[in-house]
Amino acid sequence: MNHIADLPFSGDEFFGGEIFNAARALNEGWMIEFDRDSRVRLRGVFYSDLEAWWHVAREAARGSEYHQAALRELCEEERFAIEVHCGPLATTIL
């Protein structure tokens, strides 16, 4: 599996034009993970995946464009799982 922190474009344009900062995500205790089936998932680093989901969903609901952009990049299955556990996401998923 590849982690975004391991990729050379960390900090460059990503997430549909938003600037993604892997160091910021890691400081908040989460990261974006890519698997070989092209599924993009949100994972906890310092705490559980569920706690990471809650954090990112809560910040997105508060209006954070950074966290909304991260949610938009997740695979459909991951977004569905987050909505099941955390409630409807506060960002339009296109």
N, C-alpha and C. Protein backbone atom coordinates (compact mmCIF):
# COMPACT_ATOMS: atom_id res chain seq x y z
N MET A 1 0.84 -1.18 0.00
CA MET A 1 0.00 0.00 0.00
C MET A 1 0.88 1.24 0.00
N ASN A 2 0.39 2.28 -0.61
CA ASN A 2 1.11 3.55 -0.65
C ASN A 2 0.41 4.54 0.26
N HIS A 3 1.18 5.31 0.94
CA HIS A 3 0.64 6.38 1.78
C HIS A 3 1.01 7.70 1.14
N ILE A 4 0.12 8.66 1.24
CA ILE A 4 0.37 9.93 0.58
C ILE A 4 1.65 10.59 1.09
N ALA A 5 1.99 10.37 2.35
CA ALA A 5 3.21 10.96 2.89
C ALA A 5 4.45 10.42 2.18
N ASP A 6 4.35 9.24 1.56
CA ASP A 6 5.47 8.63 0.86
C ASP A 6 5.58 9.10 -0.60
N LEU A 7 4.58 9.80 -1.09
CA LEU A 7 4.56 10.18 -2.50
C LEU A 7 5.28 11.50 -2.71
N PRO A 8 5.91 11.68 -3.87
CA PRO A 8 6.74 12.86 -4.10
C PRO A 8 5.97 14.17 -4.23
N PHE A 9 4.65 14.11 -4.47
CA PHE A 9 3.92 15.35 -4.68
C PHE A 9 3.27 15.87 -3.41
N SER A 10 3.62 15.35 -2.27
CA SER A 10 3.08 15.84 -1.02
C SER A 10 3.33 17.33 -0.90
N GLY A 11 2.27 18.08 -0.69
CA GLY A 11 2.37 19.53 -0.58
C GLY A 11 2.12 20.24 -1.89
N ASP A 12 2.06 19.53 -2.99
CA ASP A 12 1.76 20.14 -4.27
C ASP A 12 0.25 20.10 -4.51
N GLU A 13 -0.15 20.58 -5.69
CA GLU A 13 -1.58 20.55 -5.98
C GLU A 13 -2.07 19.12 -6.03
N PHE A 14 -3.17 18.90 -5.37
CA PHE A 14 -3.77 17.58 -5.26
C PHE A 14 -5.20 17.83 -4.82
N PHE A 15 -6.00 16.83 -4.76
CA PHE A 15 -7.39 16.98 -4.32
C PHE A 15 -8.13 18.01 -5.17
N GLY A 16 -8.07 17.87 -6.48
CA GLY A 16 -8.86 18.74 -7.35
C GLY A 16 -8.51 20.20 -7.23
N GLY A 17 -7.24 20.52 -7.08
CA GLY A 17 -6.83 21.91 -7.03
C GLY A 17 -6.52 22.41 -5.63
N GLU A 18 -7.00 21.73 -4.60
CA GLU A 18 -6.67 22.11 -3.23
C GLU A 18 -5.22 21.73 -2.97
N ILE A 19 -4.57 22.46 -2.12
CA ILE A 19 -3.21 22.10 -1.73
C ILE A 19 -3.32 21.11 -0.59
N PHE A 20 -2.78 19.93 -0.78
CA PHE A 20 -2.79 18.93 0.27
C PHE A 20 -1.44 18.92 0.95
N ASN A 21 -1.46 18.95 2.24
CA ASN A 21 -0.23 18.96 3.02
C ASN A 21 -0.23 17.72 3.89
N ALA A 22 0.57 16.73 3.50
CA ALA A 22 0.61 15.47 4.23
C ALA A 22 1.10 15.68 5.65
N ALA A 23 2.02 16.61 5.86
CA ALA A 23 2.52 16.88 7.21
C ALA A 23 1.39 17.39 8.10
N ARG A 24 0.53 18.24 7.56
CA ARG A 24 -0.61 18.74 8.34
C ARG A 24 -1.52 17.59 8.74
N ALA A 25 -1.84 16.73 7.80
CA ALA A 25 -2.70 15.58 8.10
C ALA A 25 -2.06 14.72 9.18
N LEU A 26 -0.77 14.43 9.04
CA LEU A 26 -0.09 13.61 10.03
C LEU A 26 -0.08 14.27 11.40
N ASN A 27 0.10 15.59 11.44
CA ASN A 27 0.06 16.31 12.71
C ASN A 27 -1.32 16.23 13.36
N GLU A 28 -2.36 16.11 12.54
CA GLU A 28 -3.72 15.97 13.05
C GLU A 28 -4.04 14.52 13.40
N GLY A 29 -3.17 13.60 13.03
CA GLY A 29 -3.35 12.20 13.40
C GLY A 29 -4.02 11.33 12.35
N TRP A 30 -3.99 11.75 11.07
CA TRP A 30 -4.60 10.95 10.02
C TRP A 30 -3.75 11.04 8.76
N MET A 31 -4.07 10.17 7.82
CA MET A 31 -3.39 10.18 6.53
C MET A 31 -4.31 9.59 5.48
N ILE A 32 -3.96 9.80 4.25
CA ILE A 32 -4.68 9.22 3.12
C ILE A 32 -3.86 8.03 2.65
N GLU A 33 -4.54 6.91 2.42
CA GLU A 33 -3.88 5.68 2.00
C GLU A 33 -4.48 5.22 0.68
N PHE A 34 -3.62 4.80 -0.22
CA PHE A 34 -4.04 4.27 -1.51
C PHE A 34 -3.72 2.79 -1.52
N ASP A 35 -4.66 1.95 -1.94
CA ASP A 35 -4.34 0.52 -2.05
C ASP A 35 -4.20 0.15 -3.53
N ARG A 36 -3.80 -1.07 -3.80
CA ARG A 36 -3.53 -1.48 -5.18
C ARG A 36 -4.77 -1.55 -6.05
N ASP A 37 -5.96 -1.52 -5.43
CA ASP A 37 -7.21 -1.53 -6.19
C ASP A 37 -7.73 -0.12 -6.42
N SER A 38 -6.87 0.88 -6.25
CA SER A 38 -7.21 2.29 -6.45
C SER A 38 -8.27 2.79 -5.48
N ARG A 39 -8.34 2.18 -4.32
CA ARG A 39 -9.24 2.68 -3.30
C ARG A 39 -8.47 3.65 -2.42
N VAL A 40 -9.08 4.79 -2.18
CA VAL A 40 -8.46 5.82 -1.35
C VAL A 40 -9.19 5.82 -0.02
N ARG A 41 -8.44 5.65 1.05
CA ARG A 41 -9.02 5.53 2.38
C ARG A 41 -8.37 6.51 3.34
N LEU A 42 -9.10 6.85 4.39
CA LEU A 42 -8.60 7.72 5.43
C LEU A 42 -8.25 6.85 6.63
N ARG A 43 -7.04 6.98 7.13
CA ARG A 43 -6.57 6.13 8.22
C ARG A 43 -6.08 6.97 9.39
N GLY A 44 -6.32 6.47 10.58
CA GLY A 44 -5.79 7.10 11.78
C GLY A 44 -4.33 6.76 11.96
N VAL A 45 -3.56 7.70 12.46
CA VAL A 45 -2.15 7.48 12.72
C VAL A 45 -1.91 7.33 14.22
N PHE A 46 -2.39 8.29 15.00
CA PHE A 46 -2.17 8.29 16.45
C PHE A 46 -3.34 7.67 17.20
N TYR A 47 -4.46 7.46 16.49
CA TYR A 47 -5.64 6.88 17.09
C TYR A 47 -6.36 6.05 16.04
N SER A 48 -7.52 5.54 16.35
CA SER A 48 -8.21 4.61 15.44
C SER A 48 -8.69 5.31 14.16
N ASP A 49 -8.97 4.48 13.15
CA ASP A 49 -9.54 5.01 11.92
C ASP A 49 -10.85 5.73 12.21
N LEU A 50 -11.67 5.17 13.07
CA LEU A 50 -12.96 5.79 13.39
C LEU A 50 -12.76 7.17 14.00
N GLU A 51 -11.81 7.31 14.89
CA GLU A 51 -11.54 8.63 15.48
C GLU A 51 -11.03 9.60 14.43
N ALA A 52 -10.23 9.11 13.49
CA ALA A 52 -9.75 9.95 12.39
C ALA A 52 -10.93 10.39 11.51
N TRP A 53 -11.85 9.45 11.24
CA TRP A 53 -13.04 9.79 10.46
C TRP A 53 -13.83 10.89 11.15
N TRP A 54 -14.04 10.74 12.46
CA TRP A 54 -14.79 11.75 13.22
C TRP A 54 -14.10 13.11 13.13
N HIS A 55 -12.81 13.11 13.29
CA HIS A 55 -12.06 14.38 13.25
C HIS A 55 -12.24 15.07 11.90
N VAL A 56 -11.98 14.35 10.82
CA VAL A 56 -12.05 14.95 9.48
C VAL A 56 -13.48 15.36 9.15
N ALA A 57 -14.46 14.51 9.47
CA ALA A 57 -15.87 14.84 9.20
C ALA A 57 -16.30 16.06 10.00
N ARG A 58 -15.87 16.15 11.27
CA ARG A 58 -16.24 17.30 12.12
C ARG A 58 -15.63 18.59 11.57
N GLU A 59 -14.36 18.55 11.18
CA GLU A 59 -13.71 19.74 10.63
C GLU A 59 -14.35 20.15 9.30
N ALA A 60 -14.71 19.17 8.49
CA ALA A 60 -15.40 19.48 7.22
C ALA A 60 -16.74 20.14 7.50
N ALA A 61 -17.46 19.64 8.50
CA ALA A 61 -18.76 20.23 8.86
C ALA A 61 -18.59 21.65 9.37
N ARG A 62 -17.45 21.95 9.97
CA ARG A 62 -17.17 23.32 10.47
C ARG A 62 -16.76 24.25 9.33
N GLY A 63 -16.64 23.71 8.12
CA GLY A 63 -16.35 24.54 6.96
C GLY A 63 -14.92 24.48 6.45
N SER A 64 -14.10 23.57 6.98
CA SER A 64 -12.71 23.47 6.54
C SER A 64 -12.65 22.93 5.11
N GLU A 65 -12.20 23.77 4.19
CA GLU A 65 -12.07 23.34 2.80
C GLU A 65 -11.02 22.24 2.67
N TYR A 66 -10.00 22.29 3.48
CA TYR A 66 -8.95 21.27 3.48
C TYR A 66 -9.54 19.89 3.78
N HIS A 67 -10.35 19.79 4.81
CA HIS A 67 -10.94 18.52 5.20
C HIS A 67 -12.03 18.09 4.22
N GLN A 68 -12.77 19.05 3.69
CA GLN A 68 -13.78 18.73 2.67
C GLN A 68 -13.10 18.15 1.43
N ALA A 69 -11.97 18.73 1.04
CA ALA A 69 -11.24 18.22 -0.12
C ALA A 69 -10.75 16.80 0.13
N ALA A 70 -10.29 16.53 1.34
CA ALA A 70 -9.84 15.17 1.67
C ALA A 70 -10.99 14.18 1.55
N LEU A 71 -12.17 14.54 2.06
CA LEU A 71 -13.33 13.66 1.98
C LEU A 71 -13.74 13.39 0.53
N ARG A 72 -13.62 14.40 -0.32
CA ARG A 72 -13.99 14.22 -1.73
C ARG A 72 -13.11 13.22 -2.44
N GLU A 73 -11.88 13.04 -1.99
CA GLU A 73 -10.95 12.14 -2.64
C GLU A 73 -11.13 10.68 -2.25
N LEU A 74 -11.88 10.40 -1.21
CA LEU A 74 -12.03 9.03 -0.71
C LEU A 74 -12.88 8.20 -1.65
N CYS A 75 -12.62 6.91 -1.66
CA CYS A 75 -13.43 6.01 -2.48
C CYS A 75 -14.86 5.98 -1.93
N GLU A 76 -15.78 5.58 -2.77
CA GLU A 76 -17.19 5.57 -2.40
C GLU A 76 -17.46 4.73 -1.16
N GLU A 77 -16.81 3.58 -1.06
CA GLU A 77 -17.02 2.70 0.09
C GLU A 77 -16.58 3.37 1.39
N GLU A 78 -15.48 4.09 1.33
CA GLU A 78 -14.96 4.77 2.53
C GLU A 78 -15.89 5.91 2.94
N ARG A 79 -16.35 6.70 1.96
CA ARG A 79 -17.30 7.78 2.29
C ARG A 79 -18.57 7.22 2.90
N PHE A 80 -19.07 6.11 2.36
CA PHE A 80 -20.28 5.49 2.90
C PHE A 80 -20.04 5.05 4.34
N ALA A 81 -18.91 4.40 4.61
CA ALA A 81 -18.61 3.94 5.97
C ALA A 81 -18.53 5.12 6.93
N ILE A 82 -17.91 6.21 6.49
CA ILE A 82 -17.82 7.39 7.36
C ILE A 82 -19.20 7.95 7.64
N GLU A 83 -20.06 8.02 6.61
CA GLU A 83 -21.42 8.53 6.83
C GLU A 83 -22.22 7.63 7.76
N VAL A 84 -22.03 6.33 7.68
CA VAL A 84 -22.73 5.40 8.56
C VAL A 84 -22.35 5.68 10.01
N HIS A 85 -21.08 5.90 10.26
CA HIS A 85 -20.59 6.09 11.63
C HIS A 85 -20.66 7.54 12.11
N CYS A 86 -20.50 8.50 11.22
CA CYS A 86 -20.37 9.90 11.62
C CYS A 86 -21.54 10.77 11.19
N GLY A 87 -22.46 10.23 10.42
CA GLY A 87 -23.58 11.02 9.91
C GLY A 87 -23.26 11.57 8.53
N PRO A 88 -24.25 12.20 7.92
CA PRO A 88 -24.06 12.74 6.56
C PRO A 88 -22.88 13.72 6.51
N LEU A 89 -22.08 13.59 5.48
CA LEU A 89 -20.94 14.48 5.33
C LEU A 89 -21.44 15.87 4.94
N ALA A 90 -20.75 16.86 5.45
CA ALA A 90 -21.15 18.25 5.24
C ALA A 90 -20.61 18.82 3.95
N THR A 91 -20.12 18.00 3.08
CA THR A 91 -19.58 18.47 1.82
C THR A 91 -20.22 17.70 0.66
N THR A 92 -20.42 18.37 -0.42
CA THR A 92 -20.95 17.72 -1.61
C THR A 92 -19.87 16.84 -2.20
N ILE A 93 -20.18 15.59 -2.39
CA ILE A 93 -19.23 14.65 -2.98
C ILE A 93 -19.57 14.54 -4.46
N LEU A 94 -18.67 15.01 -5.30
CA LEU A 94 -18.89 14.96 -6.75
C LEU A 94 -18.12 13.85 -7.37
